[in-house]
Amino acid sequence: MKVRVLVTGGAGFLGQHVVARLARGFDVTSCSRRSGVDIREYGAIEQHLLGLRPDYVVHCAAHVGGIAYNEQKPVEIFEDNIRIGLNIVKACAAAKVKGLINIMPNCTYPGHLQIYREENWWDGPMHETVLTYGMPRKAMWGLAWAYKQRGLLDSAHLVLPNMYGPGDHFDPVRSHALGALIAKIHEAKRENAASVAIWGTGKPVREWLFVEDAAEAIELALLKFHAIGVDVLNIGKGEGISITDMAVLIREAVGWRGEFVYHPDRPDGAMIKVLSPEKMLRVLGWSPATGMGDGIAKTVRWYVANR
């Protein structure tokens, strides 16, 4: 009999890829607001879990956007993610699932760090540009830890960098920098525009994870669940790229020849955000296979075909 897994946020960007990946070897189902299960309402997710009785839950659901979206919706982002985190932990314990895999953002790390190592996760406050998203996500870890102390729930917490790939968000406000730039640069090519605006200085260095690699890592984490423990585990390459260098790769993939115009009055956020992969290599024996050039080319092709 196959292990039964529920993926929350299964209609979202990451969730869709996780469902597709896990369907190869697990009895996988998903839930989201689109399917009628609003995790912000405790009764809805508790009833769903008690009826389904999954062995494991992979929690991909979140109210998330880029820096611009964080500026516009700080209260909604904070309140929704607090409710989501509280409800999913409580409902998993009530349904007596064997384990919860919680997908965490790297913005939960202290804002002053450049290389993110798991042992430094508590070594300072988050960057203020991501506080309203990162704080409730980090609070969910604290609640899961408390449930672990009572013997009520086992959980593992995977910290991922920004993701990209087919099915990504490409809205200029809601999406992260990579998706927004693909949309803007492709539109510039269509309109024969000479330039594209980039928020900030273009200097911040970010790590990006191709979404199909992320789904593979989550599958491995399920298979090696008890080797991870309740502490956080980074998932990534351990390599960063500047916004400018990333924009150049997108320009090449799109086939546009214009220039970039920077707006340094807009926030850069933390200047360097790169995850250390050392613990991941030990625990999972794995590293992401997709390079940035190949991943961006695949993403651009998907965007052109589906925009």
Protein backbone atom coordinates (compact mmCIF):
# COMPACT_ATOMS: atom_id res chain seq x y z
CA MET A 1 0.00 0.00 0.00
CA LYS A 2 1.39 3.38 -1.02
CA VAL A 3 2.21 6.04 1.55
CA ARG A 4 -0.51 8.71 1.50
CA VAL A 5 0.70 12.30 1.23
CA LEU A 6 -1.31 15.53 1.27
CA VAL A 7 0.25 18.60 -0.36
CA THR A 8 -1.21 21.89 0.87
CA GLY A 9 -1.15 24.66 -1.71
CA GLY A 10 -1.14 21.98 -4.37
CA ALA A 11 -2.55 24.37 -6.97
CA GLY A 12 0.28 26.86 -6.44
CA PHE A 13 3.59 27.22 -8.22
CA LEU A 14 5.68 24.88 -6.04
CA GLY A 15 2.73 22.72 -5.02
CA GLN A 16 1.90 21.68 -8.59
CA HIS A 17 5.42 20.45 -9.18
CA VAL A 18 5.54 18.64 -5.84
CA VAL A 19 2.26 16.86 -6.59
CA ALA A 20 3.54 15.80 -10.02
CA ARG A 21 6.81 14.53 -8.57
CA LEU A 22 5.28 12.62 -5.65
CA ALA A 23 2.62 11.01 -7.85
CA ARG A 24 5.35 8.71 -9.19
CA GLY A 25 5.67 6.80 -5.93
CA PHE A 26 3.12 8.02 -3.39
CA ASP A 27 -0.66 8.15 -3.04
CA VAL A 28 -0.72 11.94 -3.32
CA THR A 29 -3.59 14.41 -3.05
CA SER A 30 -3.62 18.17 -2.73
CA CYS A 31 -5.76 20.89 -1.22
CA SER A 32 -5.99 24.64 -1.67
CA ARG A 33 -8.57 27.40 -1.69
CA ARG A 34 -9.26 26.46 -5.32
CA SER A 35 -10.30 22.99 -4.16
CA GLY A 36 -12.49 24.43 -1.40
CA VAL A 37 -10.14 24.05 1.58
CA ASP A 38 -9.16 27.42 3.06
CA ILE A 39 -6.39 26.71 5.57
CA ARG A 40 -6.95 30.09 7.19
CA GLU A 41 -10.11 28.51 8.64
CA TYR A 42 -9.16 25.83 11.18
CA GLY A 43 -12.36 23.85 10.83
CA ALA A 44 -11.82 23.47 7.09
CA ILE A 45 -8.31 21.99 7.29
CA GLU A 46 -9.04 19.88 10.37
CA GLN A 47 -12.09 18.31 8.73
CA HIS A 48 -10.13 17.66 5.55
CA LEU A 49 -7.24 15.98 7.36
CA LEU A 50 -9.48 13.88 9.61
CA GLY A 51 -11.36 12.64 6.56
CA LEU A 52 -8.26 11.96 4.46
CA ARG A 53 -5.95 10.61 7.21
CA PRO A 54 -2.68 11.13 5.29
CA ASP A 55 0.56 9.60 6.51
CA TYR A 56 2.47 12.80 5.75
CA VAL A 57 1.65 16.41 4.93
CA VAL A 58 3.90 18.55 2.71
CA HIS A 59 3.02 22.15 3.51
CA CYS A 60 3.54 24.43 0.48
CA ALA A 61 0.66 26.85 1.10
CA ALA A 62 1.48 30.48 1.92
CA HIS A 63 0.42 34.05 1.21
CA VAL A 64 3.55 35.28 -0.56
CA GLY A 65 4.87 37.85 -3.04
CA GLY A 66 7.96 39.91 -3.78
CA ILE A 67 9.26 43.07 -2.08
CA ALA A 68 6.70 45.30 -3.84
CA TYR A 69 3.84 43.06 -2.75
CA ASN A 70 5.15 43.00 0.82
CA GLU A 71 4.98 46.78 0.83
CA GLN A 72 1.37 46.80 -0.37
CA LYS A 73 -0.09 44.00 1.79
CA PRO A 74 1.89 43.79 5.06
CA VAL A 75 -1.08 43.17 7.36
CA GLU A 76 -2.77 40.63 5.09
CA ILE A 77 0.50 38.71 4.57
CA PHE A 78 1.26 38.58 8.29
CA GLU A 79 -2.22 37.66 9.46
CA ASP A 80 -2.85 35.04 6.77
CA ASN A 81 0.46 33.28 7.34
CA ILE A 82 0.01 33.27 11.12
CA ARG A 83 -3.37 31.60 10.69
CA ILE A 84 -2.10 29.15 8.09
CA GLY A 85 0.86 28.07 10.23
CA LEU A 86 -1.15 27.70 13.42
CA ASN A 87 -3.94 25.78 11.74
CA ILE A 88 -1.81 23.32 9.80
CA VAL A 89 0.26 22.32 12.84
CA LYS A 90 -2.83 21.87 15.02
CA ALA A 91 -4.72 19.94 12.35
CA CYS A 92 -1.76 17.63 11.61
CA ALA A 93 -1.53 16.80 15.31
CA ALA A 94 -5.29 16.23 15.54
CA ALA A 95 -5.17 13.85 12.54
CA LYS A 96 -2.11 12.07 13.98
CA VAL A 97 -0.06 12.31 10.81
CA LYS A 98 3.33 10.62 10.90
CA GLY A 99 5.12 13.74 9.82
CA LEU A 100 4.82 17.30 8.54
CA ILE A 101 7.29 18.67 6.00
CA ASN A 102 7.14 22.44 6.20
CA ILE A 103 8.55 24.52 3.33
CA MET A 104 10.24 27.64 4.70
CA PRO A 105 11.60 30.78 2.99
CA ASN A 106 15.23 31.81 3.36
CA CYS A 107 14.10 35.26 4.52
CA THR A 108 13.61 33.67 7.97
CA TYR A 109 17.39 33.96 8.40
CA PRO A 110 18.87 37.05 10.13
CA GLY A 111 19.09 39.97 7.74
CA HIS A 112 22.76 40.75 8.51
CA LEU A 113 24.03 37.37 7.32
CA GLN A 114 25.36 36.74 3.82
CA ILE A 115 25.89 32.96 3.95
CA TYR A 116 22.97 31.21 5.65
CA ARG A 117 24.00 28.27 7.83
CA GLU A 118 21.43 26.39 9.88
CA GLU A 119 23.26 26.98 13.16
CA ASN A 120 22.93 30.75 12.62
CA TRP A 121 19.16 30.76 12.04
CA TRP A 122 18.50 32.49 15.39
CA ASP A 123 21.46 34.88 15.34
CA GLY A 124 19.59 38.14 14.80
CA PRO A 125 16.48 39.84 13.36
CA MET A 126 15.22 39.39 9.80
CA HIS A 127 15.61 42.09 7.18
CA GLU A 128 12.80 44.63 7.53
CA THR A 129 11.73 44.26 3.87
CA VAL A 130 10.64 40.66 4.54
CA LEU A 131 9.66 40.83 8.19
CA THR A 132 5.90 40.61 7.69
CA TYR A 133 6.31 37.39 5.69
CA GLY A 134 9.28 35.81 7.47
CA MET A 135 8.12 36.31 11.07
CA PRO A 136 4.91 34.24 10.87
CA ARG A 137 6.73 31.52 8.92
CA LYS A 138 9.38 31.33 11.63
CA ALA A 139 6.70 31.30 14.32
CA MET A 140 5.29 28.17 12.71
CA TRP A 141 8.58 26.40 13.39
CA GLY A 142 8.28 27.42 17.05
CA LEU A 143 4.78 25.97 17.29
CA ALA A 144 5.86 22.73 15.60
CA TRP A 145 8.79 22.51 18.03
CA ALA A 146 6.38 22.91 20.96
CA TYR A 147 4.16 20.12 19.63
CA LYS A 148 7.26 17.93 19.27
CA GLN A 149 8.06 18.48 22.96
CA ARG A 150 4.64 17.13 23.85
CA GLY A 151 5.05 14.13 21.55
CA LEU A 152 2.14 15.30 19.40
CA LEU A 153 3.77 15.90 16.01
CA ASP A 154 7.03 15.16 14.17
CA SER A 155 8.07 17.75 11.62
CA ALA A 156 10.92 18.66 9.29
CA HIS A 157 11.53 22.20 8.02
CA LEU A 158 13.16 22.78 4.64
CA VAL A 159 14.51 26.28 3.97
CA LEU A 160 14.42 27.10 0.25
CA PRO A 161 15.70 30.13 -1.68
CA ASN A 162 13.53 31.92 -4.24
CA MET A 163 12.27 29.47 -6.85
CA TYR A 164 11.65 29.83 -10.55
CA GLY A 165 10.59 27.67 -13.46
CA PRO A 166 7.55 26.71 -15.56
CA GLY A 167 4.32 27.90 -13.96
CA ASP A 168 6.00 30.73 -12.03
CA HIS A 169 4.28 34.05 -11.26
CA PHE A 170 5.11 36.75 -13.79
CA ASP A 171 3.07 39.64 -12.43
CA PRO A 172 5.35 42.69 -11.95
CA VAL A 173 4.06 43.25 -8.39
CA ARG A 174 3.25 39.78 -7.07
CA SER A 175 6.22 37.88 -8.53
CA HIS A 176 9.85 37.75 -7.44
CA ALA A 177 12.57 39.47 -9.45
CA LEU A 178 13.25 36.64 -11.91
CA GLY A 179 9.65 36.15 -13.03
CA ALA A 180 9.02 39.88 -13.21
CA LEU A 181 12.11 40.41 -15.36
CA ILE A 182 11.15 37.65 -17.78
CA ALA A 183 7.77 39.32 -18.31
CA LYS A 184 9.27 42.80 -18.67
CA ILE A 185 12.08 41.77 -21.01
CA HIS A 186 9.81 39.67 -23.20
CA GLU A 187 7.37 42.57 -23.45
CA ALA A 188 10.25 44.91 -24.33
CA LYS A 189 11.20 42.60 -27.20
CA ARG A 190 7.60 42.50 -28.47
CA GLU A 191 7.37 46.29 -28.40
CA ASN A 192 10.93 46.92 -29.67
CA ALA A 193 11.64 48.89 -26.49
CA ALA A 194 15.18 50.17 -25.97
CA SER A 195 15.32 49.70 -22.19
CA VAL A 196 13.87 47.84 -19.22
CA ALA A 197 13.65 49.22 -15.69
CA ILE A 198 15.19 47.27 -12.80
CA TRP A 199 14.25 48.10 -9.22
CA GLY A 200 17.21 48.95 -7.01
CA THR A 201 20.86 48.90 -7.98
CA GLY A 202 21.04 45.46 -9.59
CA LYS A 203 23.82 44.53 -7.17
CA PRO A 204 22.02 42.26 -4.66
CA VAL A 205 23.06 38.62 -4.93
CA ARG A 206 20.36 35.99 -4.62
CA GLU A 207 20.24 32.23 -4.82
CA TRP A 208 17.60 30.69 -7.07
CA LEU A 209 16.33 27.11 -7.13
CA PHE A 210 14.70 25.58 -10.21
CA VAL A 211 11.26 24.40 -9.09
CA GLU A 212 11.66 20.86 -10.42
CA ASP A 213 14.85 20.49 -8.37
CA ALA A 214 12.92 21.73 -5.32
CA ALA A 215 10.27 19.06 -5.86
CA GLU A 216 12.96 16.38 -6.11
CA ALA A 217 14.49 17.55 -2.81
CA ILE A 218 11.10 17.42 -1.10
CA GLU A 219 10.59 13.85 -2.33
CA LEU A 220 13.98 12.91 -0.88
CA ALA A 221 13.08 14.60 2.40
CA LEU A 222 9.97 12.43 2.61
CA LEU A 223 12.04 9.30 2.03
CA LYS A 224 14.60 10.39 4.65
CA PHE A 225 12.17 12.18 6.96
CA HIS A 226 13.49 10.87 10.28
CA ALA A 227 17.08 11.74 9.39
CA ILE A 228 16.23 15.45 9.26
CA GLY A 229 14.67 16.09 12.68
CA VAL A 230 12.81 19.19 13.78
CA ASP A 231 15.70 21.55 13.01
CA VAL A 232 15.81 23.47 9.72
CA LEU A 233 17.56 22.07 6.65
CA ASN A 234 18.72 24.27 3.77
CA ILE A 235 17.87 23.18 0.23
CA GLY A 236 19.91 24.81 -2.53
CA LYS A 237 23.10 25.03 -4.56
CA GLY A 238 24.95 27.40 -2.28
CA GLU A 239 25.58 29.73 -5.23
CA GLY A 240 24.25 33.23 -5.81
CA ILE A 241 23.87 35.51 -8.80
CA SER A 242 23.43 39.29 -8.94
CA ILE A 243 20.19 40.76 -10.23
CA THR A 244 22.12 42.30 -13.14
CA ASP A 245 23.81 39.03 -14.16
CA MET A 246 20.46 37.25 -13.92
CA ALA A 247 18.86 39.93 -16.11
CA VAL A 248 21.60 39.40 -18.71
CA LEU A 249 20.85 35.65 -18.80
CA ILE A 250 17.16 36.43 -19.29
CA ARG A 251 17.97 38.94 -22.04
CA GLU A 252 19.98 36.27 -23.86
CA ALA A 253 17.22 33.65 -23.47
CA VAL A 254 14.56 36.08 -24.74
CA GLY A 255 16.72 37.38 -27.58
CA TRP A 256 16.36 41.08 -26.71
CA ARG A 257 19.21 43.56 -27.22
CA GLY A 258 18.17 46.54 -25.12
CA GLU A 259 19.69 48.11 -22.01
CA PHE A 260 18.78 48.11 -18.32
CA VAL A 261 17.88 51.28 -16.41
CA TYR A 262 18.28 51.06 -12.64
CA HIS A 263 16.14 52.73 -9.98
CA PRO A 264 18.32 52.95 -6.85
CA ASP A 265 15.55 54.77 -4.97
CA ARG A 266 13.69 51.44 -4.77
CA PRO A 267 14.70 48.93 -2.05
CA ASP A 268 17.38 46.34 -2.75
CA GLY A 269 16.66 44.27 0.36
CA ALA A 270 19.57 42.33 1.85
CA MET A 271 22.62 42.57 -0.41
CA ILE A 272 23.61 38.87 -0.32
CA LYS A 273 21.42 35.84 0.44
CA VAL A 274 23.02 32.45 -0.18
CA LEU A 275 22.28 29.16 1.59
CA SER A 276 25.02 26.85 2.82
CA PRO A 277 24.35 23.36 1.38
CA GLU A 278 26.76 21.43 3.64
CA LYS A 279 24.15 19.87 5.93
CA MET A 280 21.91 19.03 2.97
CA LEU A 281 24.74 17.16 1.27
CA ARG A 282 25.28 15.10 4.43
CA VAL A 283 21.63 14.36 5.19
CA LEU A 284 20.16 13.94 1.70
CA GLY A 285 23.26 13.12 -0.32
CA TRP A 286 21.88 15.33 -3.09
CA SER A 287 22.38 18.64 -4.86
CA PRO A 288 20.29 20.50 -7.49
CA ALA A 289 21.09 19.54 -11.08
CA THR A 290 19.77 22.56 -13.02
CA GLY A 291 22.09 25.47 -13.76
CA MET A 292 20.78 29.03 -14.01
CA GLY A 293 21.27 29.29 -17.76
CA ASP A 294 19.36 26.10 -18.50
CA GLY A 295 16.68 26.86 -15.91
CA ILE A 296 16.05 30.37 -17.25
CA ALA A 297 15.90 29.08 -20.84
CA LYS A 298 13.28 26.48 -19.84
CA THR A 299 11.30 29.11 -17.93
CA VAL A 300 11.35 31.58 -20.82
CA ARG A 301 10.16 28.89 -23.23
CA TRP A 302 7.27 28.06 -20.91
CA TYR A 303 6.37 31.72 -20.51
CA VAL A 304 6.35 32.36 -24.26
CA ALA A 305 4.12 29.33 -24.81
CA ASN A 306 1.71 30.06 -21.95
CA ARG A 307 1.69 33.78 -21.23
